């Protein structure tokens, strides 16, 4: 597994755009929270779901409402 978070493709479902994000085992909860806060503040994403794996890695799904204006993507 890579040491950098990997970003999957966006999925559009109704009025929402979803993006999966994989965080490696070495990322602390505090670091993950800071990273997700930055995405929420500057790119309009919010946390939709979190999944913790046995190896300590996490997969989170971010979502944001689709708008006519172009919003910035993930800055990871």
PDB file of N, CA and C in Angstrom:
ATOM      1  N   UNK A   1       0.845  -1.181   0.000  1.00  0.00           N
ATOM      2  CA  UNK A   1       0.000   0.000   0.000  1.00  0.00           C
ATOM      3  C   UNK A   1       0.885   1.237   0.000  1.00  0.00           C
ATOM      4  N   UNK A   2       0.458   2.267  -0.706  1.00  0.00           N
ATOM      5  CA  UNK A   2       1.242   3.498  -0.778  1.00  0.00           C
ATOM      6  C   UNK A   2       1.136   4.274   0.531  1.00  0.00           C
ATOM      7  N   UNK A   3       2.106   5.143   0.744  1.00  0.00           N
ATOM      8  CA  UNK A   3       2.117   5.951   1.963  1.00  0.00           C
ATOM      9  C   UNK A   3       1.251   7.197   1.834  1.00  0.00           C
ATOM     10  N   UNK A   4       0.930   7.610   0.614  1.00  0.00           N
ATOM     11  CA  UNK A   4       0.090   8.781   0.392  1.00  0.00           C
ATOM     12  C   UNK A   4      -1.364   8.342   0.270  1.00  0.00           C
ATOM     13  N   UNK A   5      -2.304   9.155   0.735  1.00  0.00           N
ATOM     14  CA  UNK A   5      -3.716   8.819   0.550  1.00  0.00           C
ATOM     15  C   UNK A   5      -4.040   8.731  -0.930  1.00  0.00           C
ATOM     16  N   UNK A   6      -4.810   7.733  -1.308  1.00  0.00           N
ATOM     17  CA  UNK A   6      -5.199   7.621  -2.707  1.00  0.00           C
ATOM     18  C   UNK A   6      -6.625   8.125  -2.862  1.00  0.00           C
ATOM     19  N   UNK A   7      -6.880   8.759  -3.971  1.00  0.00           N
ATOM     20  CA  UNK A   7      -8.186   9.351  -4.230  1.00  0.00           C
ATOM     21  C   UNK A   7      -8.829   8.620  -5.390  1.00  0.00           C
ATOM     22  N   UNK A   8     -10.028   8.103  -5.178  1.00  0.00           N
ATOM     23  CA  UNK A   8     -10.750   7.438  -6.247  1.00  0.00           C
ATOM     24  C   UNK A   8     -11.514   8.440  -7.085  1.00  0.00           C
ATOM     25  N   UNK A   9     -12.207   7.928  -8.064  1.00  0.00           N
ATOM     26  CA  UNK A   9     -12.996   8.789  -8.938  1.00  0.00           C
ATOM     27  C   UNK A   9     -14.278   9.223  -8.244  1.00  0.00           C
ATOM     28  N   UNK A  10     -14.743  10.392  -8.614  1.00  0.00           N
ATOM     29  CA  UNK A  10     -15.985  10.914  -8.046  1.00  0.00           C
ATOM     30  C   UNK A  10     -17.168  10.127  -8.596  1.00  0.00           C
ATOM     31  N   UNK A  11     -18.166   9.951  -7.760  1.00  0.00           N
ATOM     32  CA  UNK A  11     -19.409   9.300  -8.156  1.00  0.00           C
ATOM     33  C   UNK A  11     -20.521  10.311  -7.935  1.00  0.00           C
ATOM     34  N   UNK A  12     -21.317  10.541  -8.953  1.00  0.00           N
ATOM     35  CA  UNK A  12     -22.428  11.482  -8.843  1.00  0.00           C
ATOM     36  C   UNK A  12     -23.700  10.679  -8.634  1.00  0.00           C
ATOM     37  N   UNK A  13     -24.413  11.024  -7.572  1.00  0.00           N
ATOM     38  CA  UNK A  13     -25.649  10.341  -7.230  1.00  0.00           C
ATOM     39  C   UNK A  13     -26.683  11.389  -6.847  1.00  0.00           C
ATOM     40  N   UNK A  14     -27.610  11.658  -7.729  1.00  0.00           N
ATOM     41  CA  UNK A  14     -28.611  12.687  -7.461  1.00  0.00           C
ATOM     42  C   UNK A  14     -27.975  14.062  -7.375  1.00  0.00           C
ATOM     43  N   UNK A  15     -28.208  14.747  -6.259  1.00  0.00           N
ATOM     44  CA  UNK A  15     -27.658  16.088  -6.051  1.00  0.00           C
ATOM     45  C   UNK A  15     -26.285  16.064  -5.390  1.00  0.00           C
ATOM     46  N   UNK A  16     -25.723  14.882  -5.149  1.00  0.00           N
ATOM     47  CA  UNK A  16     -24.465  14.764  -4.411  1.00  0.00           C
ATOM     48  C   UNK A  16     -23.350  14.209  -5.281  1.00  0.00           C
ATOM     49  N   UNK A  17     -22.139  14.648  -4.992  1.00  0.00           N
ATOM     50  CA  UNK A  17     -20.919  14.114  -5.591  1.00  0.00           C
ATOM     51  C   UNK A  17     -20.143  13.443  -4.459  1.00  0.00           C
ATOM     52  N   UNK A  18     -19.736  12.198  -4.649  1.00  0.00           N
ATOM     53  CA  UNK A  18     -19.015  11.433  -3.628  1.00  0.00           C
ATOM     54  C   UNK A  18     -17.602  11.135  -4.101  1.00  0.00           C
ATOM     55  N   UNK A  19     -16.655  11.146  -3.168  1.00  0.00           N
ATOM     56  CA  UNK A  19     -15.264  10.775  -3.461  1.00  0.00           C
ATOM     57  C   UNK A  19     -14.747   9.874  -2.346  1.00  0.00           C
ATOM     58  N   UNK A  20     -14.291   8.668  -2.696  1.00  0.00           N
ATOM     59  CA  UNK A  20     -13.648   7.829  -1.680  1.00  0.00           C
ATOM     60  C   UNK A  20     -12.211   8.276  -1.470  1.00  0.00           C
ATOM     61  N   UNK A  21     -11.735   8.149  -0.261  1.00  0.00           N
ATOM     62  CA  UNK A  21     -10.371   8.535   0.095  1.00  0.00           C
ATOM     63  C   UNK A  21      -9.815   7.460   1.022  1.00  0.00           C
ATOM     64  N   UNK A  22      -8.653   6.921   0.688  1.00  0.00           N
ATOM     65  CA  UNK A  22      -8.035   5.869   1.509  1.00  0.00           C
ATOM     66  C   UNK A  22      -6.881   6.466   2.295  1.00  0.00           C
ATOM     67  N   UNK A  23      -6.892   6.302   3.608  1.00  0.00           N
ATOM     68  CA  UNK A  23      -5.828   6.800   4.480  1.00  0.00           C
ATOM     69  C   UNK A  23      -5.018   5.611   4.988  1.00  0.00           C
ATOM     70  N   UNK A  24      -3.693   5.637   4.832  1.00  0.00           N
ATOM     71  CA  UNK A  24      -2.856   4.509   5.259  1.00  0.00           C
ATOM     72  C   UNK A  24      -2.814   4.362   6.780  1.00  0.00           C
ATOM     73  N   UNK A  25      -2.352   3.207   7.269  1.00  0.00           N
ATOM     74  CA  UNK A  25      -2.347   2.943   8.714  1.00  0.00           C
ATOM     75  C   UNK A  25      -1.544   3.941   9.537  1.00  0.00           C
ATOM     76  N   UNK A  26      -0.525   4.562   8.988  1.00  0.00           N
ATOM     77  CA  UNK A  26       0.320   5.472   9.750  1.00  0.00           C
ATOM     78  C   UNK A  26      -0.293   6.828  10.040  1.00  0.00           C
ATOM     79  N   UNK A  27      -1.441   7.132   9.466  1.00  0.00           N
ATOM     80  CA  UNK A  27      -2.086   8.434   9.666  1.00  0.00           C
ATOM     81  C   UNK A  27      -2.894   8.398  10.958  1.00  0.00           C
ATOM     82  N   UNK A  28      -2.578   9.294  11.878  1.00  0.00           N
ATOM     83  CA  UNK A  28      -3.296   9.336  13.158  1.00  0.00           C
ATOM     84  C   UNK A  28      -4.700   9.908  12.969  1.00  0.00           C
ATOM     85  N   UNK A  29      -5.541   9.691  13.956  1.00  0.00           N
ATOM     86  CA  UNK A  29      -6.904  10.251  13.901  1.00  0.00           C
ATOM     87  C   UNK A  29      -6.865  11.765  13.828  1.00  0.00           C
ATOM     88  N   UNK A  30      -5.947  12.357  14.579  1.00  0.00           N
ATOM     89  CA  UNK A  30      -5.835  13.815  14.599  1.00  0.00           C
ATOM     90  C   UNK A  30      -5.410  14.343  13.228  1.00  0.00           C
ATOM     91  N   UNK A  31      -4.419  13.705  12.611  1.00  0.00           N
ATOM     92  CA  UNK A  31      -3.965  14.124  11.284  1.00  0.00           C
ATOM     93  C   UNK A  31      -5.073  13.943  10.247  1.00  0.00           C
ATOM     94  N   UNK A  32      -5.810  12.845  10.345  1.00  0.00           N
ATOM     95  CA  UNK A  32      -6.921  12.605   9.424  1.00  0.00           C
ATOM     96  C   UNK A  32      -8.003  13.671   9.603  1.00  0.00           C
ATOM     97  N   UNK A  33      -8.309  14.018  10.848  1.00  0.00           N
ATOM     98  CA  UNK A  33      -9.325  15.039  11.119  1.00  0.00           C
ATOM     99  C   UNK A  33      -8.912  16.391  10.558  1.00  0.00           C
ATOM    100  N   UNK A  34      -7.637  16.737  10.697  1.00  0.00           N
ATOM    101  CA  UNK A  34      -7.146  18.010  10.159  1.00  0.00           C
ATOM    102  C   UNK A  34      -7.252  18.011   8.639  1.00  0.00           C
ATOM    103  N   UNK A  35      -6.839  16.912   8.025  1.00  0.00           N
ATOM    104  CA  UNK A  35      -6.890  16.793   6.569  1.00  0.00           C
ATOM    105  C   UNK A  35      -8.330  16.930   6.059  1.00  0.00           C
ATOM    106  N   UNK A  36      -9.265  16.269   6.728  1.00  0.00           N
ATOM    107  CA  UNK A  36     -10.665  16.336   6.313  1.00  0.00           C
ATOM    108  C   UNK A  36     -11.262  17.715   6.585  1.00  0.00           C
ATOM    109  N   UNK A  37     -10.814  18.385   7.634  1.00  0.00           N
ATOM    110  CA  UNK A  37     -11.279  19.747   7.925  1.00  0.00           C
ATOM    111  C   UNK A  37     -10.865  20.721   6.830  1.00  0.00           C
ATOM    112  N   UNK A  38      -9.660  20.548   6.328  1.00  0.00           N
ATOM    113  CA  UNK A  38      -9.184  21.405   5.234  1.00  0.00           C
ATOM    114  C   UNK A  38     -10.052  21.194   3.995  1.00  0.00           C
ATOM    115  N   UNK A  39     -10.384  19.938   3.690  1.00  0.00           N
ATOM    116  CA  UNK A  39     -11.239  19.660   2.533  1.00  0.00           C
ATOM    117  C   UNK A  39     -12.620  20.292   2.715  1.00  0.00           C
ATOM    118  N   UNK A  40     -13.140  20.236   3.932  1.00  0.00           N
ATOM    119  CA  UNK A  40     -14.453  20.817   4.203  1.00  0.00           C
ATOM    120  C   UNK A  40     -14.421  22.331   4.050  1.00  0.00           C
ATOM    121  N   UNK A  41     -13.375  22.962   4.572  1.00  0.00           N
ATOM    122  CA  UNK A  41     -13.287  24.421   4.565  1.00  0.00           C
ATOM    123  C   UNK A  41     -13.087  24.992   3.168  1.00  0.00           C
ATOM    124  N   UNK A  42     -12.185  24.410   2.393  1.00  0.00           N
ATOM    125  CA  UNK A  42     -11.780  25.030   1.138  1.00  0.00           C
ATOM    126  C   UNK A  42     -12.384  24.409  -0.111  1.00  0.00           C
ATOM    127  N   UNK A  43     -12.923  23.203  -0.024  1.00  0.00           N
ATOM    128  CA  UNK A  43     -13.459  22.560  -1.224  1.00  0.00           C
ATOM    129  C   UNK A  43     -14.916  22.143  -1.074  1.00  0.00           C
ATOM    130  N   UNK A  44     -15.520  22.426   0.077  1.00  0.00           N
ATOM    131  CA  UNK A  44     -16.941  22.161   0.241  1.00  0.00           C
ATOM    132  C   UNK A  44     -17.312  20.711   0.522  1.00  0.00           C
ATOM    133  N   UNK A  45     -16.346  19.863   0.849  1.00  0.00           N
ATOM    134  CA  UNK A  45     -16.627  18.458   1.125  1.00  0.00           C
ATOM    135  C   UNK A  45     -17.065  18.279   2.572  1.00  0.00           C
ATOM    136  N   UNK A  46     -17.881  17.243   2.816  1.00  0.00           N
ATOM    137  CA  UNK A  46     -18.244  16.849   4.171  1.00  0.00           C
ATOM    138  C   UNK A  46     -18.100  15.339   4.276  1.00  0.00           C
ATOM    139  N   UNK A  47     -17.949  14.856   5.483  1.00  0.00           N
ATOM    140  CA  UNK A  47     -17.756  13.434   5.720  1.00  0.00           C
ATOM    141  C   UNK A  47     -19.087  12.713   5.592  1.00  0.00           C
ATOM    142  N   UNK A  48     -19.133  11.692   4.737  1.00  0.00           N
ATOM    143  CA  UNK A  48     -20.352  10.918   4.554  1.00  0.00           C
ATOM    144  C   UNK A  48     -20.280   9.579   5.286  1.00  0.00           C
ATOM    145  N   UNK A  49     -19.096   8.937   5.262  1.00  0.00           N
ATOM    146  CA  UNK A  49     -18.964   7.614   5.875  1.00  0.00           C
ATOM    147  C   UNK A  49     -17.497   7.324   6.148  1.00  0.00           C
ATOM    148  N   UNK A  50     -17.227   6.554   7.192  1.00  0.00           N
ATOM    149  CA  UNK A  50     -15.868   6.135   7.534  1.00  0.00           C
ATOM    150  C   UNK A  50     -15.852   4.635   7.769  1.00  0.00           C
ATOM    151  N   UNK A  51     -14.815   3.983   7.260  1.00  0.00           N
ATOM    152  CA  UNK A  51     -14.649   2.549   7.452  1.00  0.00           C
ATOM    153  C   UNK A  51     -13.222   2.299   7.916  1.00  0.00           C
ATOM    154  N   UNK A  52     -13.056   1.629   9.058  1.00  0.00           N
ATOM    155  CA  UNK A  52     -11.741   1.314   9.613  1.00  0.00           C
ATOM    156  C   UNK A  52     -11.438  -0.151   9.339  1.00  0.00           C
ATOM    157  N   UNK A  53     -10.278  -0.424   8.730  1.00  0.00           N
ATOM    158  CA  UNK A  53      -9.866  -1.785   8.410  1.00  0.00           C
ATOM    159  C   UNK A  53      -8.976  -2.344   9.511  1.00  0.00           C
ATOM    160  N   UNK A  54      -8.841  -3.651   9.549  1.00  0.00           N
ATOM    161  CA  UNK A  54      -8.055  -4.336  10.564  1.00  0.00           C
ATOM    162  C   UNK A  54      -6.586  -3.951  10.563  1.00  0.00           C
ATOM    163  N   UNK A  55      -6.055  -3.552   9.411  1.00  0.00           N
ATOM    164  CA  UNK A  55      -4.640  -3.165   9.338  1.00  0.00           C
ATOM    165  C   UNK A  55      -4.405  -1.732   9.802  1.00  0.00           C
ATOM    166  N   UNK A  56      -5.469  -1.035  10.199  1.00  0.00           N
ATOM    167  CA  UNK A  56      -5.340   0.339  10.682  1.00  0.00           C
ATOM    168  C   UNK A  56      -5.595   1.393   9.628  1.00  0.00           C
ATOM    169  N   UNK A  57      -5.736   0.983   8.376  1.00  0.00           N
ATOM    170  CA  UNK A  57      -6.041   1.965   7.330  1.00  0.00           C
ATOM    171  C   UNK A  57      -7.520   2.334   7.405  1.00  0.00           C
ATOM    172  N   UNK A  58      -7.852   3.468   6.831  1.00  0.00           N
ATOM    173  CA  UNK A  58      -9.234   3.953   6.836  1.00  0.00           C
ATOM    174  C   UNK A  58      -9.662   4.281   5.414  1.00  0.00           C
ATOM    175  N   UNK A  59     -10.928   4.056   5.135  1.00  0.00           N
ATOM    176  CA  UNK A  59     -11.515   4.524   3.885  1.00  0.00           C
ATOM    177  C   UNK A  59     -12.647   5.452   4.279  1.00  0.00           C
ATOM    178  N   UNK A  60     -12.600   6.668   3.765  1.00  0.00           N
ATOM    179  CA  UNK A  60     -13.655   7.638   4.050  1.00  0.00           C
ATOM    180  C   UNK A  60     -14.307   8.049   2.741  1.00  0.00           C
ATOM    181  N   UNK A  61     -15.578   8.348   2.812  1.00  0.00           N
ATOM    182  CA  UNK A  61     -16.302   8.862   1.667  1.00  0.00           C
ATOM    183  C   UNK A  61     -16.670  10.306   1.979  1.00  0.00           C
ATOM    184  N   UNK A  62     -16.237  11.193   1.112  1.00  0.00           N
ATOM    185  CA  UNK A  62     -16.569  12.606   1.231  1.00  0.00           C
ATOM    186  C   UNK A  62     -17.694  12.902   0.259  1.00  0.00           C
ATOM    187  N   UNK A  63     -18.527  13.870   0.594  1.00  0.00           N
ATOM    188  CA  UNK A  63     -19.598  14.256  -0.324  1.00  0.00           C
ATOM    189  C   UNK A  63     -19.752  15.759  -0.318  1.00  0.00           C
ATOM    190  N   UNK A  64     -20.299  16.268  -1.404  1.00  0.00           N
ATOM    191  CA  UNK A  64     -20.670  17.676  -1.498  1.00  0.00           C
ATOM    192  C   UNK A  64     -21.806  17.790  -2.506  1.00  0.00           C
ATOM    193  N   UNK A  65     -22.593  18.820  -2.315  1.00  0.00           N
ATOM    194  CA  UNK A  65     -23.701  19.067  -3.241  1.00  0.00           C
ATOM    195  C   UNK A  65     -23.148  19.511  -4.583  1.00  0.00           C
ATOM    196  N   UNK A  66     -23.751  19.008  -5.626  1.00  0.00           N
ATOM    197  CA  UNK A  66     -23.360  19.451  -6.963  1.00  0.00           C
ATOM    198  C   UNK A  66     -23.900  20.855  -7.177  1.00  0.00           C
ATOM    199  N   UNK A  67     -23.083  21.698  -7.777  1.00  0.00           N
ATOM    200  CA  UNK A  67     -23.505  23.058  -8.085  1.00  0.00           C
ATOM    201  C   UNK A  67     -23.125  23.380  -9.519  1.00  0.00           C
ATOM    202  N   UNK A  68     -23.712  24.436 -10.044  1.00  0.00           N
ATOM    203  CA  UNK A  68     -23.375  24.873 -11.394  1.00  0.00           C
ATOM    204  C   UNK A  68     -21.963  25.445 -11.431  1.00  0.00           C
ATOM    205  N   UNK A  69     -21.559  26.090 -10.350  1.00  0.00           N
ATOM    206  CA  UNK A  69     -20.207  26.651 -10.269  1.00  0.00           C
ATOM    207  C   UNK A  69     -19.201  25.525 -10.052  1.00  0.00           C
ATOM    208  N   UNK A  70     -18.039  25.677 -10.601  1.00  0.00           N
ATOM    209  CA  UNK A  70     -16.999  24.676 -10.430  1.00  0.00           C
ATOM    210  C   UNK A  70     -16.340  24.850  -9.075  1.00  0.00           C
ATOM    211  N   UNK A  71     -16.350  23.787  -8.291  1.00  0.00           N
ATOM    212  CA  UNK A  71     -15.683  23.785  -6.999  1.00  0.00           C
ATOM    213  C   UNK A  71     -14.339  23.092  -7.155  1.00  0.00           C
ATOM    214  N   UNK A  72     -13.360  23.463  -6.353  1.00  0.00           N
ATOM    215  CA  UNK A  72     -12.068  22.778  -6.442  1.00  0.00           C
ATOM    216  C   UNK A  72     -12.191  21.327  -6.003  1.00  0.00           C
ATOM    217  N   UNK A  73     -11.343  20.472  -6.549  1.00  0.00           N
ATOM    218  CA  UNK A  73     -11.323  19.062  -6.176  1.00  0.00           C
ATOM    219  C   UNK A  73     -10.585  18.864  -4.873  1.00  0.00           C
ATOM    220  N   UNK A  74     -10.235  17.633  -4.586  1.00  0.00           N
ATOM    221  CA  UNK A  74      -9.467  17.330  -3.386  1.00  0.00           C
ATOM    222  C   UNK A  74      -8.055  17.856  -3.537  1.00  0.00           C
ATOM    223  N   UNK A  75      -7.494  18.368  -2.475  1.00  0.00           N
ATOM    224  CA  UNK A  75      -6.146  18.938  -2.537  1.00  0.00           C
ATOM    225  C   UNK A  75      -5.130  18.032  -1.866  1.00  0.00           C
ATOM    226  N   UNK A  76      -5.225  16.757  -2.172  1.00  0.00           N
ATOM    227  CA  UNK A  76      -4.313  15.786  -1.556  1.00  0.00           C
ATOM    228  C   UNK A  76      -3.335  15.315  -2.596  1.00  0.00           C
TER     229      UNK A  76
END
